[in-house]
């Protein structure tokens, strides 16, 4: 699974670099906005894959009893801002890093959609 997460993460970063670094002048503002999911979701999927694997390792090693508890430990170490990024892990009870990564990507997709619908048009 790690190879899948690395591939998604590198692909997302490369797509963002290509779109915003190399081809920026070739796109209109609306095209840049519509290209956002092409790089955003692979990055989110890859990052949450790594995070979920780490949290699951905490459970397997016996340092946490559940994914929720493992996420709580990470929040205690990293601070309360980490709760924003670890929110899916506080709610989900799954032990599969793939399912958690997909659910987290869907969660952030909803937030991105809300931003584009509610906030972005007013800017």
PDB file of N, CA and C in Angstrom:
ATOM      1  N   UNK A   1       0.824  -1.198   0.000  1.00  0.00           N
ATOM      2  CA  UNK A   1       0.000   0.000   0.000  1.00  0.00           C
ATOM      3  C   UNK A   1       0.865   1.258   0.000  1.00  0.00           C
ATOM      4  N   UNK A   2       2.034   1.154   0.608  1.00  0.00           N
ATOM      5  CA  UNK A   2       2.903   2.326   0.676  1.00  0.00           C
ATOM      6  C   UNK A   2       3.255   2.815  -0.719  1.00  0.00           C
ATOM      7  N   UNK A   3       3.492   1.888  -1.650  1.00  0.00           N
ATOM      8  CA  UNK A   3       3.823   2.286  -3.023  1.00  0.00           C
ATOM      9  C   UNK A   3       2.675   3.067  -3.657  1.00  0.00           C
ATOM     10  N   UNK A   4       1.446   2.667  -3.384  1.00  0.00           N
ATOM     11  CA  UNK A   4       0.283   3.386  -3.906  1.00  0.00           C
ATOM     12  C   UNK A   4       0.228   4.804  -3.351  1.00  0.00           C
ATOM     13  N   UNK A   5       0.482   4.947  -2.049  1.00  0.00           N
ATOM     14  CA  UNK A   5       0.442   6.268  -1.424  1.00  0.00           C
ATOM     15  C   UNK A   5       1.570   7.161  -1.931  1.00  0.00           C
ATOM     16  N   UNK A   6       2.756   6.593  -2.109  1.00  0.00           N
ATOM     17  CA  UNK A   6       3.887   7.369  -2.638  1.00  0.00           C
ATOM     18  C   UNK A   6       3.594   7.811  -4.067  1.00  0.00           C
ATOM     19  N   UNK A   7       3.067   6.906  -4.873  1.00  0.00           N
ATOM     20  CA  UNK A   7       2.740   7.238  -6.261  1.00  0.00           C
ATOM     21  C   UNK A   7       1.696   8.346  -6.327  1.00  0.00           C
ATOM     22  N   UNK A   8       0.665   8.248  -5.513  1.00  0.00           N
ATOM     23  CA  UNK A   8      -0.377   9.283  -5.495  1.00  0.00           C
ATOM     24  C   UNK A   8       0.193  10.620  -5.042  1.00  0.00           C
ATOM     25  N   UNK A   9       1.004  10.596  -4.004  1.00  0.00           N
ATOM     26  CA  UNK A   9       1.589  11.828  -3.469  1.00  0.00           C
ATOM     27  C   UNK A   9       2.522  12.478  -4.481  1.00  0.00           C
ATOM     28  N   UNK A  10       3.417  11.710  -5.066  1.00  0.00           N
ATOM     29  CA  UNK A  10       4.349  12.260  -6.058  1.00  0.00           C
ATOM     30  C   UNK A  10       3.591  12.733  -7.292  1.00  0.00           C
ATOM     31  N   UNK A  11       2.608  11.962  -7.732  1.00  0.00           N
ATOM     32  CA  UNK A  11       1.807  12.372  -8.886  1.00  0.00           C
ATOM     33  C   UNK A  11       1.068  13.673  -8.641  1.00  0.00           C
ATOM     34  N   UNK A  12       0.502  13.828  -7.454  1.00  0.00           N
ATOM     35  CA  UNK A  12      -0.205  15.063  -7.117  1.00  0.00           C
ATOM     36  C   UNK A  12       0.716  16.262  -7.057  1.00  0.00           C
ATOM     37  N   UNK A  13       1.891  16.083  -6.449  1.00  0.00           N
ATOM     38  CA  UNK A  13       2.857  17.185  -6.366  1.00  0.00           C
ATOM     39  C   UNK A  13       3.370  17.553  -7.755  1.00  0.00           C
ATOM     40  N   UNK A  14       3.631  16.542  -8.578  1.00  0.00           N
ATOM     41  CA  UNK A  14       4.093  16.820  -9.944  1.00  0.00           C
ATOM     42  C   UNK A  14       3.012  17.525 -10.761  1.00  0.00           C
ATOM     43  N   UNK A  15       1.768  17.111 -10.610  1.00  0.00           N
ATOM     44  CA  UNK A  15       0.672  17.758 -11.335  1.00  0.00           C
ATOM     45  C   UNK A  15       0.526  19.211 -10.906  1.00  0.00           C
ATOM     46  N   UNK A  16       0.610  19.477  -9.604  1.00  0.00           N
ATOM     47  CA  UNK A  16       0.522  20.860  -9.113  1.00  0.00           C
ATOM     48  C   UNK A  16       1.684  21.684  -9.640  1.00  0.00           C
ATOM     49  N   UNK A  17       2.882  21.120  -9.621  1.00  0.00           N
ATOM     50  CA  UNK A  17       4.047  21.826 -10.145  1.00  0.00           C
ATOM     51  C   UNK A  17       3.914  22.116 -11.624  1.00  0.00           C
ATOM     52  N   UNK A  18       3.406  21.164 -12.377  1.00  0.00           N
ATOM     53  CA  UNK A  18       3.222  21.354 -13.815  1.00  0.00           C
ATOM     54  C   UNK A  18       2.164  22.417 -14.100  1.00  0.00           C
ATOM     55  N   UNK A  19       1.041  22.319 -13.411  1.00  0.00           N
ATOM     56  CA  UNK A  19      -0.063  23.253 -13.656  1.00  0.00           C
ATOM     57  C   UNK A  19       0.294  24.668 -13.230  1.00  0.00           C
ATOM     58  N   UNK A  20       0.842  24.819 -12.022  1.00  0.00           N
ATOM     59  CA  UNK A  20       1.069  26.158 -11.478  1.00  0.00           C
ATOM     60  C   UNK A  20       2.471  26.690 -11.732  1.00  0.00           C
ATOM     61  N   UNK A  21       3.409  25.829 -12.057  1.00  0.00           N
ATOM     62  CA  UNK A  21       4.770  26.286 -12.297  1.00  0.00           C
ATOM     63  C   UNK A  21       5.123  26.422 -13.759  1.00  0.00           C
ATOM     64  N   UNK A  22       4.690  25.467 -14.572  1.00  0.00           N
ATOM     65  CA  UNK A  22       5.086  25.440 -15.976  1.00  0.00           C
ATOM     66  C   UNK A  22       3.992  25.989 -16.888  1.00  0.00           C
ATOM     67  N   UNK A  23       2.762  25.570 -16.679  1.00  0.00           N
ATOM     68  CA  UNK A  23       1.679  25.896 -17.606  1.00  0.00           C
ATOM     69  C   UNK A  23       0.726  26.964 -17.074  1.00  0.00           C
ATOM     70  N   UNK A  24       1.119  27.700 -16.057  1.00  0.00           N
ATOM     71  CA  UNK A  24       0.231  28.652 -15.391  1.00  0.00           C
ATOM     72  C   UNK A  24      -0.372  29.668 -16.355  1.00  0.00           C
ATOM     73  N   UNK A  25       0.431  30.236 -17.241  1.00  0.00           N
ATOM     74  CA  UNK A  25      -0.040  31.283 -18.151  1.00  0.00           C
ATOM     75  C   UNK A  25      -0.956  30.762 -19.249  1.00  0.00           C
ATOM     76  N   UNK A  26      -1.002  29.463 -19.427  1.00  0.00           N
ATOM     77  CA  UNK A  26      -1.826  28.886 -20.483  1.00  0.00           C
ATOM     78  C   UNK A  26      -3.265  28.628 -20.042  1.00  0.00           C
ATOM     79  N   UNK A  27      -3.541  28.776 -18.748  1.00  0.00           N
ATOM     80  CA  UNK A  27      -4.872  28.503 -18.223  1.00  0.00           C
ATOM     81  C   UNK A  27      -5.542  29.782 -17.750  1.00  0.00           C
ATOM     82  N   UNK A  28      -6.860  29.831 -17.917  1.00  0.00           N
ATOM     83  CA  UNK A  28      -7.633  30.921 -17.327  1.00  0.00           C
ATOM     84  C   UNK A  28      -7.852  30.606 -15.845  1.00  0.00           C
ATOM     85  N   UNK A  29      -8.385  31.570 -15.125  1.00  0.00           N
ATOM     86  CA  UNK A  29      -8.631  31.366 -13.696  1.00  0.00           C
ATOM     87  C   UNK A  29      -9.613  30.222 -13.464  1.00  0.00           C
ATOM     88  N   UNK A  30     -10.664  30.176 -14.254  1.00  0.00           N
ATOM     89  CA  UNK A  30     -11.651  29.105 -14.070  1.00  0.00           C
ATOM     90  C   UNK A  30     -11.060  27.740 -14.427  1.00  0.00           C
ATOM     91  N   UNK A  31     -10.167  27.690 -15.402  1.00  0.00           N
ATOM     92  CA  UNK A  31      -9.516  26.420 -15.736  1.00  0.00           C
ATOM     93  C   UNK A  31      -8.571  25.973 -14.620  1.00  0.00           C
ATOM     94  N   UNK A  32      -7.882  26.935 -14.004  1.00  0.00           N
ATOM     95  CA  UNK A  32      -7.010  26.597 -12.874  1.00  0.00           C
ATOM     96  C   UNK A  32      -7.825  26.030 -11.714  1.00  0.00           C
ATOM     97  N   UNK A  33      -8.982  26.633 -11.468  1.00  0.00           N
ATOM     98  CA  UNK A  33      -9.856  26.138 -10.400  1.00  0.00           C
ATOM     99  C   UNK A  33     -10.355  24.737 -10.733  1.00  0.00           C
ATOM    100  N   UNK A  34     -10.737  24.524 -11.977  1.00  0.00           N
ATOM    101  CA  UNK A  34     -11.253  23.206 -12.349  1.00  0.00           C
ATOM    102  C   UNK A  34     -10.159  22.138 -12.366  1.00  0.00           C
ATOM    103  N   UNK A  35      -8.894  22.544 -12.470  1.00  0.00           N
ATOM    104  CA  UNK A  35      -7.771  21.594 -12.423  1.00  0.00           C
ATOM    105  C   UNK A  35      -7.376  21.215 -10.998  1.00  0.00           C
ATOM    106  N   UNK A  36      -7.870  21.938 -10.021  1.00  0.00           N
ATOM    107  CA  UNK A  36      -7.474  21.699  -8.632  1.00  0.00           C
ATOM    108  C   UNK A  36      -7.661  20.244  -8.192  1.00  0.00           C
ATOM    109  N   UNK A  37      -8.780  19.593  -8.497  1.00  0.00           N
ATOM    110  CA  UNK A  37      -8.921  18.193  -8.059  1.00  0.00           C
ATOM    111  C   UNK A  37      -7.865  17.251  -8.642  1.00  0.00           C
ATOM    112  N   UNK A  38      -7.283  17.608  -9.790  1.00  0.00           N
ATOM    113  CA  UNK A  38      -6.284  16.739 -10.410  1.00  0.00           C
ATOM    114  C   UNK A  38      -5.030  16.574  -9.555  1.00  0.00           C
ATOM    115  N   UNK A  39      -4.698  17.582  -8.779  1.00  0.00           N
ATOM    116  CA  UNK A  39      -3.521  17.477  -7.908  1.00  0.00           C
ATOM    117  C   UNK A  39      -3.898  17.373  -6.431  1.00  0.00           C
ATOM    118  N   UNK A  40      -5.034  17.964  -6.061  1.00  0.00           N
ATOM    119  CA  UNK A  40      -5.407  18.014  -4.646  1.00  0.00           C
ATOM    120  C   UNK A  40      -5.734  16.630  -4.082  1.00  0.00           C
ATOM    121  N   UNK A  41      -6.555  15.875  -4.780  1.00  0.00           N
ATOM    122  CA  UNK A  41      -7.000  14.586  -4.254  1.00  0.00           C
ATOM    123  C   UNK A  41      -5.897  13.536  -4.198  1.00  0.00           C
ATOM    124  N   UNK A  42      -5.012  13.447  -5.197  1.00  0.00           N
ATOM    125  CA  UNK A  42      -3.892  12.507  -5.024  1.00  0.00           C
ATOM    126  C   UNK A  42      -2.998  12.851  -3.832  1.00  0.00           C
ATOM    127  N   UNK A  43      -2.772  14.143  -3.598  1.00  0.00           N
ATOM    128  CA  UNK A  43      -1.961  14.545  -2.445  1.00  0.00           C
ATOM    129  C   UNK A  43      -2.666  14.168  -1.144  1.00  0.00           C
ATOM    130  N   UNK A  44      -3.947  14.473  -1.048  1.00  0.00           N
ATOM    131  CA  UNK A  44      -4.710  14.140   0.167  1.00  0.00           C
ATOM    132  C   UNK A  44      -4.736  12.627   0.377  1.00  0.00           C
ATOM    133  N   UNK A  45      -4.994  11.888  -0.675  1.00  0.00           N
ATOM    134  CA  UNK A  45      -5.042  10.427  -0.576  1.00  0.00           C
ATOM    135  C   UNK A  45      -3.698   9.872  -0.105  1.00  0.00           C
ATOM    136  N   UNK A  46      -2.608  10.334  -0.696  1.00  0.00           N
ATOM    137  CA  UNK A  46      -1.282   9.855  -0.313  1.00  0.00           C
ATOM    138  C   UNK A  46      -0.920  10.205   1.118  1.00  0.00           C
ATOM    139  N   UNK A  47      -1.180  11.454   1.514  1.00  0.00           N
ATOM    140  CA  UNK A  47      -0.860  11.873   2.883  1.00  0.00           C
ATOM    141  C   UNK A  47      -1.674  11.102   3.915  1.00  0.00           C
ATOM    142  N   UNK A  48      -2.967  10.970   3.672  1.00  0.00           N
ATOM    143  CA  UNK A  48      -3.802  10.240   4.621  1.00  0.00           C
ATOM    144  C   UNK A  48      -3.471   8.752   4.636  1.00  0.00           C
ATOM    145  N   UNK A  49      -2.991   8.231   3.524  1.00  0.00           N
ATOM    146  CA  UNK A  49      -2.529   6.846   3.522  1.00  0.00           C
ATOM    147  C   UNK A  49      -1.357   6.654   4.462  1.00  0.00           C
ATOM    148  N   UNK A  50      -0.382   7.570   4.380  1.00  0.00           N
ATOM    149  CA  UNK A  50       0.766   7.494   5.285  1.00  0.00           C
ATOM    150  C   UNK A  50       0.347   7.678   6.738  1.00  0.00           C
ATOM    151  N   UNK A  51      -0.507   8.661   6.977  1.00  0.00           N
ATOM    152  CA  UNK A  51      -0.954   8.922   8.351  1.00  0.00           C
ATOM    153  C   UNK A  51      -1.707   7.721   8.906  1.00  0.00           C
ATOM    154  N   UNK A  52      -2.611   7.157   8.109  1.00  0.00           N
ATOM    155  CA  UNK A  52      -3.392   6.019   8.607  1.00  0.00           C
ATOM    156  C   UNK A  52      -2.506   4.806   8.860  1.00  0.00           C
ATOM    157  N   UNK A  53      -1.494   4.590   8.026  1.00  0.00           N
ATOM    158  CA  UNK A  53      -0.574   3.484   8.283  1.00  0.00           C
ATOM    159  C   UNK A  53       0.162   3.684   9.608  1.00  0.00           C
ATOM    160  N   UNK A  54       0.562   4.911   9.868  1.00  0.00           N
ATOM    161  CA  UNK A  54       1.265   5.195  11.127  1.00  0.00           C
ATOM    162  C   UNK A  54       0.342   4.985  12.332  1.00  0.00           C
ATOM    163  N   UNK A  55      -0.898   5.453  12.219  1.00  0.00           N
ATOM    164  CA  UNK A  55      -1.839   5.271  13.325  1.00  0.00           C
ATOM    165  C   UNK A  55      -2.164   3.795  13.544  1.00  0.00           C
ATOM    166  N   UNK A  56      -2.299   3.051  12.463  1.00  0.00           N
ATOM    167  CA  UNK A  56      -2.578   1.614  12.581  1.00  0.00           C
ATOM    168  C   UNK A  56      -1.383   0.894  13.208  1.00  0.00           C
ATOM    169  N   UNK A  57      -0.152   1.343  12.882  1.00  0.00           N
ATOM    170  CA  UNK A  57       1.031   0.767  13.527  1.00  0.00           C
ATOM    171  C   UNK A  57       1.004   0.995  15.037  1.00  0.00           C
ATOM    172  N   UNK A  58       0.507   2.157  15.455  1.00  0.00           N
ATOM    173  CA  UNK A  58       0.373   2.424  16.897  1.00  0.00           C
ATOM    174  C   UNK A  58      -0.596   1.443  17.543  1.00  0.00           C
ATOM    175  N   UNK A  59      -1.662   1.122  16.824  1.00  0.00           N
ATOM    176  CA  UNK A  59      -2.632   0.174  17.362  1.00  0.00           C
ATOM    177  C   UNK A  59      -2.034  -1.228  17.452  1.00  0.00           C
ATOM    178  N   UNK A  60      -1.343  -1.640  16.400  1.00  0.00           N
ATOM    179  CA  UNK A  60      -0.762  -2.982  16.362  1.00  0.00           C
ATOM    180  C   UNK A  60       0.306  -3.146  17.437  1.00  0.00           C
ATOM    181  N   UNK A  61       1.074  -2.086  17.684  1.00  0.00           N
ATOM    182  CA  UNK A  61       2.138  -2.160  18.693  1.00  0.00           C
ATOM    183  C   UNK A  61       1.594  -2.096  20.118  1.00  0.00           C
ATOM    184  N   UNK A  62       0.310  -1.810  20.271  1.00  0.00           N
ATOM    185  CA  UNK A  62      -0.303  -1.787  21.589  1.00  0.00           C
ATOM    186  C   UNK A  62      -0.291  -0.433  22.269  1.00  0.00           C
ATOM    187  N   UNK A  63       0.192   0.609  21.578  1.00  0.00           N
ATOM    188  CA  UNK A  63       0.209   1.943  22.185  1.00  0.00           C
ATOM    189  C   UNK A  63      -1.158   2.608  22.142  1.00  0.00           C
ATOM    190  N   UNK A  64      -2.069   2.069  21.336  1.00  0.00           N
ATOM    191  CA  UNK A  64      -3.433   2.599  21.254  1.00  0.00           C
ATOM    192  C   UNK A  64      -4.384   1.428  21.015  1.00  0.00           C
ATOM    193  N   UNK A  65      -5.595   1.550  21.532  1.00  0.00           N
ATOM    194  CA  UNK A  65      -6.589   0.490  21.389  1.00  0.00           C
ATOM    195  C   UNK A  65      -7.447   0.654  20.141  1.00  0.00           C
ATOM    196  N   UNK A  66      -7.565   1.887  19.654  1.00  0.00           N
ATOM    197  CA  UNK A  66      -8.411   2.155  18.494  1.00  0.00           C
ATOM    198  C   UNK A  66      -7.780   3.254  17.650  1.00  0.00           C
ATOM    199  N   UNK A  67      -8.308   3.421  16.456  1.00  0.00           N
ATOM    200  CA  UNK A  67      -7.834   4.488  15.572  1.00  0.00           C
ATOM    201  C   UNK A  67      -8.098   5.844  16.208  1.00  0.00           C
ATOM    202  N   UNK A  68      -9.233   5.969  16.862  1.00  0.00           N
ATOM    203  CA  UNK A  68      -9.578   7.205  17.560  1.00  0.00           C
ATOM    204  C   UNK A  68      -8.539   7.531  18.628  1.00  0.00           C
ATOM    205  N   UNK A  69      -8.163   6.545  19.407  1.00  0.00           N
ATOM    206  CA  UNK A  69      -7.178   6.760  20.468  1.00  0.00           C
ATOM    207  C   UNK A  69      -5.800   7.092  19.886  1.00  0.00           C
ATOM    208  N   UNK A  70      -5.425   6.433  18.801  1.00  0.00           N
ATOM    209  CA  UNK A  70      -4.142   6.729  18.155  1.00  0.00           C
ATOM    210  C   UNK A  70      -4.129   8.159  17.619  1.00  0.00           C
ATOM    211  N   UNK A  71      -5.252   8.598  17.050  1.00  0.00           N
ATOM    212  CA  UNK A  71      -5.351   9.981  16.566  1.00  0.00           C
ATOM    213  C   UNK A  71      -5.291  10.959  17.730  1.00  0.00           C
ATOM    214  N   UNK A  72      -5.927  10.617  18.843  1.00  0.00           N
ATOM    215  CA  UNK A  72      -5.892  11.471  20.042  1.00  0.00           C
ATOM    216  C   UNK A  72      -4.459  11.655  20.544  1.00  0.00           C
ATOM    217  N   UNK A  73      -3.690  10.575  20.547  1.00  0.00           N
ATOM    218  CA  UNK A  73      -2.286  10.657  20.969  1.00  0.00           C
ATOM    219  C   UNK A  73      -1.521  11.601  20.049  1.00  0.00           C
ATOM    220  N   UNK A  74      -1.761  11.504  18.749  1.00  0.00           N
ATOM    221  CA  UNK A  74      -1.091  12.389  17.791  1.00  0.00           C
ATOM    222  C   UNK A  74      -1.491  13.839  18.002  1.00  0.00           C
ATOM    223  N   UNK A  75      -2.747  14.077  18.323  1.00  0.00           N
ATOM    224  CA  UNK A  75      -3.214  15.445  18.583  1.00  0.00           C
ATOM    225  C   UNK A  75      -2.564  15.991  19.844  1.00  0.00           C
ATOM    226  N   UNK A  76      -2.436  15.152  20.860  1.00  0.00           N
ATOM    227  CA  UNK A  76      -1.774  15.589  22.093  1.00  0.00           C
ATOM    228  C   UNK A  76      -0.323  15.973  21.832  1.00  0.00           C
ATOM    229  N   UNK A  77       0.345  15.248  20.946  1.00  0.00           N
ATOM    230  CA  UNK A  77       1.748  15.529  20.628  1.00  0.00           C
ATOM    231  C   UNK A  77       1.868  16.748  19.717  1.00  0.00           C
ATOM    232  N   UNK A  78       1.044  16.815  18.679  1.00  0.00           N
ATOM    233  CA  UNK A  78       1.179  17.862  17.660  1.00  0.00           C
ATOM    234  C   UNK A  78       0.425  19.144  17.998  1.00  0.00           C
ATOM    235  N   UNK A  79      -0.537  19.085  18.879  1.00  0.00           N
ATOM    236  CA  UNK A  79      -1.328  20.259  19.211  1.00  0.00           C
ATOM    237  C   UNK A  79      -2.729  20.163  18.633  1.00  0.00           C
ATOM    238  N   UNK A  80      -3.572  21.091  19.056  1.00  0.00           N
ATOM    239  CA  UNK A  80      -4.987  21.033  18.673  1.00  0.00           C
ATOM    240  C   UNK A  80      -5.231  21.324  17.198  1.00  0.00           C
ATOM    241  N   UNK A  81      -4.316  22.013  16.529  1.00  0.00           N
ATOM    242  CA  UNK A  81      -4.489  22.244  15.089  1.00  0.00           C
ATOM    243  C   UNK A  81      -4.462  20.935  14.313  1.00  0.00           C
ATOM    244  N   UNK A  82      -3.787  19.945  14.857  1.00  0.00           N
ATOM    245  CA  UNK A  82      -3.728  18.641  14.200  1.00  0.00           C
ATOM    246  C   UNK A  82      -5.104  17.983  14.136  1.00  0.00           C
ATOM    247  N   UNK A  83      -6.015  18.365  15.024  1.00  0.00           N
ATOM    248  CA  UNK A  83      -7.365  17.786  15.021  1.00  0.00           C
ATOM    249  C   UNK A  83      -8.087  18.069  13.710  1.00  0.00           C
ATOM    250  N   UNK A  84      -7.811  19.214  13.094  1.00  0.00           N
ATOM    251  CA  UNK A  84      -8.434  19.532  11.804  1.00  0.00           C
ATOM    252  C   UNK A  84      -8.052  18.499  10.751  1.00  0.00           C
ATOM    253  N   UNK A  85      -6.785  18.110  10.746  1.00  0.00           N
ATOM    254  CA  UNK A  85      -6.312  17.161   9.742  1.00  0.00           C
ATOM    255  C   UNK A  85      -6.579  15.714  10.132  1.00  0.00           C
ATOM    256  N   UNK A  86      -6.705  15.467  11.407  1.00  0.00           N
ATOM    257  CA  UNK A  86      -6.945  14.105  11.882  1.00  0.00           C
ATOM    258  C   UNK A  86      -8.423  13.822  12.134  1.00  0.00           C
ATOM    259  N   UNK A  87      -9.289  14.749  11.755  1.00  0.00           N
ATOM    260  CA  UNK A  87     -10.722  14.592  12.002  1.00  0.00           C
ATOM    261  C   UNK A  87     -11.283  13.266  11.487  1.00  0.00           C
ATOM    262  N   UNK A  88     -10.970  12.844  10.254  1.00  0.00           N
ATOM    263  CA  UNK A  88     -11.537  11.563   9.801  1.00  0.00           C
ATOM    264  C   UNK A  88     -11.167  10.388  10.704  1.00  0.00           C
ATOM    265  N   UNK A  89      -9.979  10.444  11.297  1.00  0.00           N
ATOM    266  CA  UNK A  89      -9.541   9.347  12.157  1.00  0.00           C
ATOM    267  C   UNK A  89     -10.250   9.358  13.505  1.00  0.00           C
ATOM    268  N   UNK A  90     -10.746  10.515  13.904  1.00  0.00           N
ATOM    269  CA  UNK A  90     -11.483  10.606  15.164  1.00  0.00           C
ATOM    270  C   UNK A  90     -12.882  10.018  15.034  1.00  0.00           C
ATOM    271  N   UNK A  91     -13.392   9.967  13.814  1.00  0.00           N
ATOM    272  CA  UNK A  91     -14.754   9.506  13.568  1.00  0.00           C
ATOM    273  C   UNK A  91     -14.791   8.048  13.108  1.00  0.00           C
ATOM    274  N   UNK A  92     -13.838   7.666  12.275  1.00  0.00           N
ATOM    275  CA  UNK A  92     -13.852   6.338  11.665  1.00  0.00           C
ATOM    276  C   UNK A  92     -13.272   5.287  12.599  1.00  0.00           C
ATOM    277  N   UNK A  93     -13.776   4.087  12.477  1.00  0.00           N
ATOM    278  CA  UNK A  93     -13.304   2.973  13.304  1.00  0.00           C
ATOM    279  C   UNK A  93     -12.619   1.897  12.452  1.00  0.00           C
ATOM    280  N   UNK A  94     -12.324   2.199  11.212  1.00  0.00           N
ATOM    281  CA  UNK A  94     -11.769   1.211  10.292  1.00  0.00           C
ATOM    282  C   UNK A  94     -10.300   0.969  10.565  1.00  0.00           C
ATOM    283  N   UNK A  95      -9.848  -0.226  10.245  1.00  0.00           N
ATOM    284  CA  UNK A  95      -8.437  -0.579  10.408  1.00  0.00           C
ATOM    285  C   UNK A  95      -7.727  -0.674   9.063  1.00  0.00           C
ATOM    286  N   UNK A  96      -8.399  -0.349   7.992  1.00  0.00           N
ATOM    287  CA  UNK A  96      -7.807  -0.400   6.655  1.00  0.00           C
ATOM    288  C   UNK A  96      -7.337   0.994   6.253  1.00  0.00           C
ATOM    289  N   UNK A  97      -6.047   1.123   5.965  1.00  0.00           N
ATOM    290  CA  UNK A  97      -5.526   2.434   5.579  1.00  0.00           C
ATOM    291  C   UNK A  97      -6.124   2.891   4.251  1.00  0.00           C
ATOM    292  N   UNK A  98      -6.448   1.947   3.366  1.00  0.00           N
ATOM    293  CA  UNK A  98      -7.035   2.315   2.079  1.00  0.00           C
ATOM    294  C   UNK A  98      -8.426   2.918   2.264  1.00  0.00           C
ATOM    295  N   UNK A  99      -9.260   2.283   3.069  1.00  0.00           N
ATOM    296  CA  UNK A  99     -10.607   2.808   3.305  1.00  0.00           C
ATOM    297  C   UNK A  99     -10.563   4.164   3.999  1.00  0.00           C
ATOM    298  N   UNK A 100      -9.667   4.302   4.972  1.00  0.00           N
ATOM    299  CA  UNK A 100      -9.544   5.574   5.682  1.00  0.00           C
ATOM    300  C   UNK A 100      -9.066   6.660   4.729  1.00  0.00           C
ATOM    301  N   UNK A 101      -8.129   6.343   3.851  1.00  0.00           N
ATOM    302  CA  UNK A 101      -7.614   7.327   2.894  1.00  0.00           C
ATOM    303  C   UNK A 101      -8.695   7.770   1.916  1.00  0.00           C
ATOM    304  N   UNK A 102      -9.486   6.829   1.457  1.00  0.00           N
ATOM    305  CA  UNK A 102     -10.581   7.172   0.545  1.00  0.00           C
ATOM    306  C   UNK A 102     -11.609   8.042   1.264  1.00  0.00           C
ATOM    307  N   UNK A 103     -11.964   7.668   2.483  1.00  0.00           N
ATOM    308  CA  UNK A 103     -12.930   8.465   3.251  1.00  0.00           C
ATOM    309  C   UNK A 103     -12.394   9.868   3.520  1.00  0.00           C
ATOM    310  N   UNK A 104     -11.115   9.990   3.835  1.00  0.00           N
ATOM    311  CA  UNK A 104     -10.518  11.307   4.073  1.00  0.00           C
ATOM    312  C   UNK A 104     -10.519  12.139   2.797  1.00  0.00           C
ATOM    313  N   UNK A 105     -10.239  11.512   1.665  1.00  0.00           N
ATOM    314  CA  UNK A 105     -10.263  12.239   0.394  1.00  0.00           C
ATOM    315  C   UNK A 105     -11.678  12.734   0.088  1.00  0.00           C
ATOM    316  N   UNK A 106     -12.680  11.924   0.382  1.00  0.00           N
ATOM    317  CA  UNK A 106     -14.073  12.344   0.184  1.00  0.00           C
ATOM    318  C   UNK A 106     -14.420  13.494   1.129  1.00  0.00           C
ATOM    319  N   UNK A 107     -13.965  13.422   2.382  1.00  0.00           N
ATOM    320  CA  UNK A 107     -14.184  14.495   3.356  1.00  0.00           C
ATOM    321  C   UNK A 107     -13.600  15.813   2.845  1.00  0.00           C
ATOM    322  N   UNK A 108     -12.354  15.776   2.391  1.00  0.00           N
ATOM    323  CA  UNK A 108     -11.718  16.998   1.884  1.00  0.00           C
ATOM    324  C   UNK A 108     -12.324  17.431   0.553  1.00  0.00           C
ATOM    325  N   UNK A 109     -12.850  16.489  -0.231  1.00  0.00           N
ATOM    326  CA  UNK A 109     -13.543  16.853  -1.469  1.00  0.00           C
ATOM    327  C   UNK A 109     -14.777  17.681  -1.149  1.00  0.00           C
ATOM    328  N   UNK A 110     -15.499  17.280  -0.119  1.00  0.00           N
ATOM    329  CA  UNK A 110     -16.683  18.046   0.290  1.00  0.00           C
ATOM    330  C   UNK A 110     -16.290  19.444   0.758  1.00  0.00           C
ATOM    331  N   UNK A 111     -15.214  19.540   1.544  1.00  0.00           N
ATOM    332  CA  UNK A 111     -14.758  20.862   1.992  1.00  0.00           C
ATOM    333  C   UNK A 111     -14.300  21.727   0.823  1.00  0.00           C
ATOM    334  N   UNK A 112     -13.588  21.131  -0.126  1.00  0.00           N
ATOM    335  CA  UNK A 112     -13.138  21.885  -1.301  1.00  0.00           C
ATOM    336  C   UNK A 112     -14.331  22.349  -2.130  1.00  0.00           C
ATOM    337  N   UNK A 113     -15.318  21.477  -2.301  1.00  0.00           N
ATOM    338  CA  UNK A 113     -16.514  21.848  -3.048  1.00  0.00           C
ATOM    339  C   UNK A 113     -17.231  23.008  -2.355  1.00  0.00           C
ATOM    340  N   UNK A 114     -17.377  22.931  -1.024  1.00  0.00           N
ATOM    341  CA  UNK A 114     -18.012  24.028  -0.285  1.00  0.00           C
ATOM    342  C   UNK A 114     -17.244  25.333  -0.464  1.00  0.00           C
ATOM    343  N   UNK A 115     -15.926  25.254  -0.437  1.00  0.00           N
ATOM    344  CA  UNK A 115     -15.118  26.451  -0.645  1.00  0.00           C
ATOM    345  C   UNK A 115     -15.373  27.041  -2.025  1.00  0.00           C
ATOM    346  N   UNK A 116     -15.355  26.201  -3.058  1.00  0.00           N
ATOM    347  CA  UNK A 116     -15.551  26.699  -4.421  1.00  0.00           C
ATOM    348  C   UNK A 116     -16.963  27.228  -4.649  1.00  0.00           C
ATOM    349  N   UNK A 117     -17.943  26.684  -3.957  1.00  0.00           N
ATOM    350  CA  UNK A 117     -19.330  27.114  -4.144  1.00  0.00           C
ATOM    351  C   UNK A 117     -19.677  28.330  -3.288  1.00  0.00           C
ATOM    352  N   UNK A 118     -19.220  28.337  -2.033  1.00  0.00           N
ATOM    353  CA  UNK A 118     -19.646  29.383  -1.103  1.00  0.00           C
ATOM    354  C   UNK A 118     -18.658  30.541  -0.959  1.00  0.00           C
ATOM    355  N   UNK A 119     -17.376  30.254  -0.916  1.00  0.00           N
ATOM    356  CA  UNK A 119     -16.387  31.290  -0.609  1.00  0.00           C
ATOM    357  C   UNK A 119     -15.749  31.865  -1.864  1.00  0.00           C
ATOM    358  N   UNK A 120     -15.289  31.022  -2.750  1.00  0.00           N
ATOM    359  CA  UNK A 120     -14.522  31.475  -3.913  1.00  0.00           C
ATOM    360  C   UNK A 120     -15.265  32.489  -4.788  1.00  0.00           C
ATOM    361  N   UNK A 121     -16.562  32.303  -5.054  1.00  0.00           N
ATOM    362  CA  UNK A 121     -17.255  33.295  -5.899  1.00  0.00           C
ATOM    363  C   UNK A 121     -17.302  34.698  -5.289  1.00  0.00           C
ATOM    364  N   UNK A 122     -17.191  34.806  -3.972  1.00  0.00           N
ATOM    365  CA  UNK A 122     -17.262  36.126  -3.336  1.00  0.00           C
ATOM    366  C   UNK A 122     -15.910  36.824  -3.271  1.00  0.00           C
ATOM    367  N   UNK A 123     -14.848  36.141  -3.653  1.00  0.00           N
ATOM    368  CA  UNK A 123     -13.516  36.756  -3.592  1.00  0.00           C
ATOM    369  C   UNK A 123     -13.277  37.698  -4.751  1.00  0.00           C
TER     370      UNK A 123
END
